[in-house]
Amino acid sequence: MGEVVKAVSDQSPDNSVLVTDVGQNQMFSARYFKFRSKRSIVTSGGLGTMGFCLPAAIGATFGTPERMVFAFQGDGGFQMNIQELGTVMQTGAPVKMIVLNNTYLGNVRQWQQMMFNCRYSCTHMMNPDYNKVAAGYGIPYKRVEKREELKDSIAEMINFKGAFILEVIVMDEENVMPMIPPGNSVDNMIFSLADN
């Protein structure tokens, strides 16, 4: 995921606005997106509000019409407010939506892996065909499955004058490190699975 965020950041205008959802995408975005201007990130700050990203990004396009707005979200969070694509269609909000598709609720899966010995429950996602969803709302769409397709696909999204959905297939069981286990402090931070 970090590679995708960095690749978007490398091609983004200097005054871009980053909007994140909640989960692994939020942590990777905060870590790998290079902020080059003030007031450049909109996030719920980890308040557990999956689905925050898309409506917040729509609002950011109206609050900063002169800036490009990138909405980074996982496939789970995207589905929680996918109906807001209707608002994008109706208003013409030029949101650049990046869906980091790992087919999991990634943060929940990571916790179940690390804290509950890989006893996964309700974390694997069955996703719709996002190409058909995008077409239904009249929003251009591109799916990236190979690393070598990423750079050109990002350029296509950035150069398009309007909303765009870029679905990027990412590693399905990537973990975010370091992390602090529940009930612990920074003194007990985990830096790798071996630390757990």
C-alpha atoms as a PDB file:
ATOM      1  CA  MET A   1       0.000   0.000   0.000  1.00  0.00           C
ATOM      2  CA  GLY A   2       2.800   2.376   0.833  1.00  0.00           C
ATOM      3  CA  GLU A   3       4.236   2.000  -2.652  1.00  0.00           C
ATOM      4  CA  VAL A   4       0.906   3.085  -4.163  1.00  0.00           C
ATOM      5  CA  VAL A   5       0.595   6.100  -1.862  1.00  0.00           C
ATOM      6  CA  LYS A   6       4.165   7.188  -2.615  1.00  0.00           C
ATOM      7  CA  ALA A   7       3.605   6.775  -6.367  1.00  0.00           C
ATOM      8  CA  VAL A   8       0.513   9.012  -6.228  1.00  0.00           C
ATOM      9  CA  SER A   9       2.340  11.525  -4.041  1.00  0.00           C
ATOM     10  CA  ASP A  10       5.281  11.663  -6.460  1.00  0.00           C
ATOM     11  CA  GLN A  11       2.992  12.690  -9.334  1.00  0.00           C
ATOM     12  CA  SER A  12       0.568  14.887  -7.401  1.00  0.00           C
ATOM     13  CA  PRO A  13       0.514  18.693  -7.583  1.00  0.00           C
ATOM     14  CA  ASP A  14       2.303  20.444  -4.704  1.00  0.00           C
ATOM     15  CA  ASN A  15      -0.921  21.827  -3.221  1.00  0.00           C
ATOM     16  CA  SER A  16      -2.824  18.515  -3.257  1.00  0.00           C
ATOM     17  CA  VAL A  17      -5.179  17.533  -0.452  1.00  0.00           C
ATOM     18  CA  LEU A  18      -5.028  14.009   0.960  1.00  0.00           C
ATOM     19  CA  VAL A  19      -8.205  12.560   2.480  1.00  0.00           C
ATOM     20  CA  THR A  20      -7.952   9.211   4.248  1.00  0.00           C
ATOM     21  CA  ASP A  21     -10.402   6.660   5.486  1.00  0.00           C
ATOM     22  CA  VAL A  22      -9.764   4.565   8.598  1.00  0.00           C
ATOM     23  CA  GLY A  23      -7.569   1.505   8.643  1.00  0.00           C
ATOM     24  CA  GLN A  24      -4.283   0.467   7.139  1.00  0.00           C
ATOM     25  CA  ASN A  25      -4.787   2.878   4.237  1.00  0.00           C
ATOM     26  CA  GLN A  26      -4.827   5.770   6.711  1.00  0.00           C
ATOM     27  CA  MET A  27      -1.532   4.783   8.294  1.00  0.00           C
ATOM     28  CA  PHE A  28       0.201   4.091   4.986  1.00  0.00           C
ATOM     29  CA  SER A  29      -1.111   7.393   3.579  1.00  0.00           C
ATOM     30  CA  ALA A  30       0.125   9.428   6.537  1.00  0.00           C
ATOM     31  CA  ARG A  31       3.499   7.719   6.309  1.00  0.00           C
ATOM     32  CA  TYR A  32       4.152   7.804   2.541  1.00  0.00           C
ATOM     33  CA  PHE A  33       2.339  10.869   1.169  1.00  0.00           C
ATOM     34  CA  LYS A  34       4.711  13.837   0.935  1.00  0.00           C
ATOM     35  CA  PHE A  35       2.970  16.969   2.189  1.00  0.00           C
ATOM     36  CA  ARG A  36       4.244  20.055   0.383  1.00  0.00           C
ATOM     37  CA  SER A  37       1.740  22.675   1.513  1.00  0.00           C
ATOM     38  CA  LYS A  38      -0.291  23.645   4.564  1.00  0.00           C
ATOM     39  CA  ARG A  39      -3.730  22.256   5.331  1.00  0.00           C
ATOM     40  CA  SER A  40      -3.159  19.226   3.150  1.00  0.00           C
ATOM     41  CA  ILE A  41      -4.685  16.318   5.092  1.00  0.00           C
ATOM     42  CA  VAL A  42      -8.252  15.530   6.078  1.00  0.00           C
ATOM     43  CA  THR A  43      -8.608  12.521   8.353  1.00  0.00           C
ATOM     44  CA  SER A  44     -10.852  11.377  11.180  1.00  0.00           C
ATOM     45  CA  GLY A  45      -7.738  10.892  13.274  1.00  0.00           C
ATOM     46  CA  GLY A  46      -8.353   7.234  14.024  1.00  0.00           C
ATOM     47  CA  LEU A  47     -11.814   7.629  15.503  1.00  0.00           C
ATOM     48  CA  GLY A  48     -12.893   4.386  13.877  1.00  0.00           C
ATOM     49  CA  THR A  49     -15.151   5.942  11.251  1.00  0.00           C
ATOM     50  CA  MET A  50     -14.768   3.672   8.230  1.00  0.00           C
ATOM     51  CA  GLY A  51     -16.527   5.297   5.305  1.00  0.00           C
ATOM     52  CA  PHE A  52     -15.385   8.799   6.332  1.00  0.00           C
ATOM     53  CA  CYS A  53     -13.163   9.291   3.304  1.00  0.00           C
ATOM     54  CA  LEU A  54     -15.519   9.673   0.353  1.00  0.00           C
ATOM     55  CA  PRO A  55     -17.964  12.231   1.813  1.00  0.00           C
ATOM     56  CA  ALA A  56     -15.059  14.150   3.377  1.00  0.00           C
ATOM     57  CA  ALA A  57     -13.235  14.207   0.034  1.00  0.00           C
ATOM     58  CA  ILE A  58     -16.349  15.501  -1.723  1.00  0.00           C
ATOM     59  CA  GLY A  59     -16.507  18.300   0.836  1.00  0.00           C
ATOM     60  CA  ALA A  60     -12.805  19.030   0.363  1.00  0.00           C
ATOM     61  CA  THR A  61     -13.335  19.583  -3.373  1.00  0.00           C
ATOM     62  CA  PHE A  62     -15.859  22.308  -2.547  1.00  0.00           C
ATOM     63  CA  GLY A  63     -13.737  23.820   0.230  1.00  0.00           C
ATOM     64  CA  THR A  64     -10.589  23.885  -1.922  1.00  0.00           C
ATOM     65  CA  PRO A  65     -11.744  23.986  -5.563  1.00  0.00           C
ATOM     66  CA  GLU A  66      -8.299  25.111  -6.746  1.00  0.00           C
ATOM     67  CA  ARG A  67      -6.606  22.004  -5.308  1.00  0.00           C
ATOM     68  CA  MET A  68      -6.601  18.355  -6.404  1.00  0.00           C
ATOM     69  CA  VAL A  69      -8.196  16.087  -3.803  1.00  0.00           C
ATOM     70  CA  PHE A  70      -7.057  12.471  -3.421  1.00  0.00           C
ATOM     71  CA  ALA A  71      -9.273  10.060  -1.469  1.00  0.00           C
ATOM     72  CA  PHE A  72      -7.313   7.042  -0.204  1.00  0.00           C
ATOM     73  CA  GLN A  73      -9.518   4.248   1.087  1.00  0.00           C
ATOM     74  CA  GLY A  74      -9.568   0.509   1.424  1.00  0.00           C
ATOM     75  CA  ASP A  75     -12.139  -1.647  -0.293  1.00  0.00           C
ATOM     76  CA  GLY A  76     -13.988  -2.100   3.016  1.00  0.00           C
ATOM     77  CA  GLY A  77     -14.309   1.605   3.797  1.00  0.00           C
ATOM     78  CA  PHE A  78     -15.217   2.429   0.198  1.00  0.00           C
ATOM     79  CA  GLN A  79     -18.215   0.107   0.366  1.00  0.00           C
ATOM     80  CA  MET A  80     -19.440   1.691   3.601  1.00  0.00           C
ATOM     81  CA  ASN A  81     -20.316   4.947   1.824  1.00  0.00           C
ATOM     82  CA  ILE A  82     -20.292   3.882  -1.820  1.00  0.00           C
ATOM     83  CA  GLN A  83     -23.698   5.517  -2.293  1.00  0.00           C
ATOM     84  CA  GLU A  84     -21.897   8.875  -2.140  1.00  0.00           C
ATOM     85  CA  LEU A  85     -20.801   8.213  -5.713  1.00  0.00           C
ATOM     86  CA  GLY A  86     -24.287   9.561  -6.439  1.00  0.00           C
ATOM     87  CA  THR A  87     -23.226  12.862  -4.876  1.00  0.00           C
ATOM     88  CA  VAL A  88     -20.051  12.842  -6.986  1.00  0.00           C
ATOM     89  CA  MET A  89     -22.166  12.253 -10.102  1.00  0.00           C
ATOM     90  CA  GLN A  90     -24.745  14.896  -9.207  1.00  0.00           C
ATOM     91  CA  THR A  91     -22.302  17.634  -8.188  1.00  0.00           C
ATOM     92  CA  GLY A  92     -19.401  16.857 -10.498  1.00  0.00           C
ATOM     93  CA  ALA A  93     -16.998  16.847  -7.529  1.00  0.00           C
ATOM     94  CA  PRO A  94     -13.582  16.079  -9.101  1.00  0.00           C
ATOM     95  CA  VAL A  95     -12.451  13.594  -6.439  1.00  0.00           C
ATOM     96  CA  LYS A  96      -9.535  11.328  -7.344  1.00  0.00           C
ATOM     97  CA  MET A  97     -10.545   8.098  -5.562  1.00  0.00           C
ATOM     98  CA  ILE A  98      -7.876   5.492  -4.914  1.00  0.00           C
ATOM     99  CA  VAL A  99      -9.308   2.184  -3.686  1.00  0.00           C
ATOM    100  CA  LEU A 100      -6.573   0.049  -2.140  1.00  0.00           C
ATOM    101  CA  ASN A 101      -8.094  -3.390  -2.613  1.00  0.00           C
ATOM    102  CA  ASN A 102      -6.623  -6.118  -0.412  1.00  0.00           C
ATOM    103  CA  THR A 103      -9.952  -8.014  -0.117  1.00  0.00           C
ATOM    104  CA  TYR A 104      -9.831  -7.642   3.668  1.00  0.00           C
ATOM    105  CA  LEU A 105     -10.758  -5.299   6.448  1.00  0.00           C
ATOM    106  CA  GLY A 106      -6.995  -4.971   6.767  1.00  0.00           C
ATOM    107  CA  ASN A 107      -6.609  -3.529  10.244  1.00  0.00           C
ATOM    108  CA  VAL A 108      -9.084  -5.979  11.747  1.00  0.00           C
ATOM    109  CA  ARG A 109      -7.356  -8.865   9.948  1.00  0.00           C
ATOM    110  CA  GLN A 110      -3.964  -7.695  11.253  1.00  0.00           C
ATOM    111  CA  TRP A 111      -5.237  -7.608  14.826  1.00  0.00           C
ATOM    112  CA  GLN A 112      -6.819 -11.041  14.454  1.00  0.00           C
ATOM    113  CA  GLN A 113      -3.539 -12.342  13.069  1.00  0.00           C
ATOM    114  CA  MET A 114      -1.399 -10.844  15.814  1.00  0.00           C
ATOM    115  CA  MET A 115      -3.682 -11.001  18.853  1.00  0.00           C
ATOM    116  CA  PHE A 116      -5.880 -14.020  18.119  1.00  0.00           C
ATOM    117  CA  ASN A 117      -3.554 -16.519  16.397  1.00  0.00           C
ATOM    118  CA  CYS A 118      -4.977 -15.964  12.888  1.00  0.00           C
ATOM    119  CA  ARG A 119      -8.541 -16.833  13.907  1.00  0.00           C
ATOM    120  CA  TYR A 120     -10.119 -14.679  11.217  1.00  0.00           C
ATOM    121  CA  SER A 121     -13.748 -13.726  11.551  1.00  0.00           C
ATOM    122  CA  CYS A 122     -15.691 -11.493   9.163  1.00  0.00           C
ATOM    123  CA  THR A 123     -12.607  -9.806   7.732  1.00  0.00           C
ATOM    124  CA  HIS A 124     -12.483 -11.168   4.183  1.00  0.00           C
ATOM    125  CA  MET A 125     -14.331  -8.926   1.705  1.00  0.00           C
ATOM    126  CA  MET A 126     -16.372  -9.953  -1.304  1.00  0.00           C
ATOM    127  CA  ASN A 127     -16.246  -6.917  -3.565  1.00  0.00           C
ATOM    128  CA  PRO A 128     -18.520  -5.885  -6.401  1.00  0.00           C
ATOM    129  CA  ASP A 129     -17.205  -5.236  -9.897  1.00  0.00           C
ATOM    130  CA  TYR A 130     -16.070  -1.646  -9.324  1.00  0.00           C
ATOM    131  CA  ASN A 131     -15.846  -1.063 -13.074  1.00  0.00           C
ATOM    132  CA  LYS A 132     -19.596  -1.681 -13.356  1.00  0.00           C
ATOM    133  CA  VAL A 133     -20.284   0.417 -10.258  1.00  0.00           C
ATOM    134  CA  ALA A 134     -18.257   3.314 -11.683  1.00  0.00           C
ATOM    135  CA  ALA A 135     -19.968   2.974 -15.073  1.00  0.00           C
ATOM    136  CA  GLY A 136     -23.359   3.160 -13.384  1.00  0.00           C
ATOM    137  CA  TYR A 137     -22.419   6.553 -11.962  1.00  0.00           C
ATOM    138  CA  GLY A 138     -20.671   7.728 -15.133  1.00  0.00           C
ATOM    139  CA  ILE A 139     -17.289   7.951 -13.406  1.00  0.00           C
ATOM    140  CA  PRO A 140     -14.106   6.908 -15.262  1.00  0.00           C
ATOM    141  CA  TYR A 141     -12.427   3.860 -13.754  1.00  0.00           C
ATOM    142  CA  LYS A 142      -9.142   2.004 -14.044  1.00  0.00           C
ATOM    143  CA  ARG A 143      -7.952  -1.172 -12.314  1.00  0.00           C
ATOM    144  CA  VAL A 144      -4.258  -1.753 -11.636  1.00  0.00           C
ATOM    145  CA  GLU A 145      -3.138  -5.331 -11.062  1.00  0.00           C
ATOM    146  CA  LYS A 146       0.546  -5.095 -11.993  1.00  0.00           C
ATOM    147  CA  ARG A 147       3.227  -2.844 -10.552  1.00  0.00           C
ATOM    148  CA  GLU A 148       4.360  -1.745 -14.028  1.00  0.00           C
ATOM    149  CA  GLU A 149       0.850  -0.365 -14.764  1.00  0.00           C
ATOM    150  CA  LEU A 150       0.799   1.895 -11.713  1.00  0.00           C
ATOM    151  CA  LYS A 151       2.696   4.998 -12.861  1.00  0.00           C
ATOM    152  CA  ASP A 152       0.799   5.439 -16.146  1.00  0.00           C
ATOM    153  CA  SER A 153      -2.543   4.735 -14.479  1.00  0.00           C
ATOM    154  CA  ILE A 154      -1.887   7.407 -11.855  1.00  0.00           C
ATOM    155  CA  ALA A 155      -0.952   9.882 -14.602  1.00  0.00           C
ATOM    156  CA  GLU A 156      -4.200   9.070 -16.423  1.00  0.00           C
ATOM    157  CA  MET A 157      -6.184   9.721 -13.228  1.00  0.00           C
ATOM    158  CA  ILE A 158      -4.387  12.996 -12.482  1.00  0.00           C
ATOM    159  CA  ASN A 159      -4.694  14.296 -16.047  1.00  0.00           C
ATOM    160  CA  PHE A 160      -8.419  13.569 -16.245  1.00  0.00           C
ATOM    161  CA  LYS A 161     -10.480  16.693 -15.509  1.00  0.00           C
ATOM    162  CA  GLY A 162     -13.024  15.300 -13.087  1.00  0.00           C
ATOM    163  CA  ALA A 163     -13.755  12.440 -10.734  1.00  0.00           C
ATOM    164  CA  PHE A 164     -11.873   9.196 -11.278  1.00  0.00           C
ATOM    165  CA  ILE A 165     -11.771   5.823  -9.523  1.00  0.00           C
ATOM    166  CA  LEU A 166      -8.421   4.040  -9.489  1.00  0.00           C
ATOM    167  CA  GLU A 167      -8.674   0.558  -7.982  1.00  0.00           C
ATOM    168  CA  VAL A 168      -5.274  -0.861  -7.091  1.00  0.00           C
ATOM    169  CA  ILE A 169      -4.924  -4.513  -6.162  1.00  0.00           C
ATOM    170  CA  VAL A 170      -2.467  -4.658  -3.262  1.00  0.00           C
ATOM    171  CA  MET A 171      -0.964  -7.436  -1.167  1.00  0.00           C
ATOM    172  CA  ASP A 172      -3.781  -9.102   0.731  1.00  0.00           C
ATOM    173  CA  GLU A 173      -2.050  -9.635   4.076  1.00  0.00           C
ATOM    174  CA  GLU A 174       0.306  -6.670   4.401  1.00  0.00           C
ATOM    175  CA  ASN A 175       0.752  -5.428   7.950  1.00  0.00           C
ATOM    176  CA  VAL A 176       1.341  -1.918   9.242  1.00  0.00           C
ATOM    177  CA  MET A 177       4.302  -1.652  11.578  1.00  0.00           C
ATOM    178  CA  PRO A 178       5.132  -0.468  14.125  1.00  0.00           C
ATOM    179  CA  MET A 179       1.974  -0.907  16.187  1.00  0.00           C
ATOM    180  CA  ILE A 180       1.036  -0.647  19.826  1.00  0.00           C
ATOM    181  CA  PRO A 181      -0.963  -3.622  21.130  1.00  0.00           C
ATOM    182  CA  PRO A 182      -4.236  -2.888  22.948  1.00  0.00           C
ATOM    183  CA  GLY A 183      -3.751  -1.808  26.549  1.00  0.00           C
ATOM    184  CA  ASN A 184      -0.049  -1.055  26.084  1.00  0.00           C
ATOM    185  CA  SER A 185       2.087   2.039  25.748  1.00  0.00           C
ATOM    186  CA  VAL A 186       4.815   3.015  23.295  1.00  0.00           C
ATOM    187  CA  ASP A 187       7.225   1.110  25.545  1.00  0.00           C
ATOM    188  CA  ASN A 188       5.689  -2.135  24.250  1.00  0.00           C
ATOM    189  CA  MET A 189       5.587  -1.259  20.565  1.00  0.00           C
ATOM    190  CA  ILE A 190       5.706  -4.140  18.067  1.00  0.00           C
ATOM    191  CA  PHE A 191       8.062  -3.616  15.129  1.00  0.00           C
ATOM    192  CA  SER A 192       7.601  -6.970  13.381  1.00  0.00           C
ATOM    193  CA  LEU A 193       5.639 -10.193  13.680  1.00  0.00           C
ATOM    194  CA  ALA A 194       8.679 -11.672  15.433  1.00  0.00           C
ATOM    195  CA  ASP A 195       8.180  -9.138  18.270  1.00  0.00           C
ATOM    196  CA  ASN A 196       4.656 -10.381  18.923  1.00  0.00           C
END
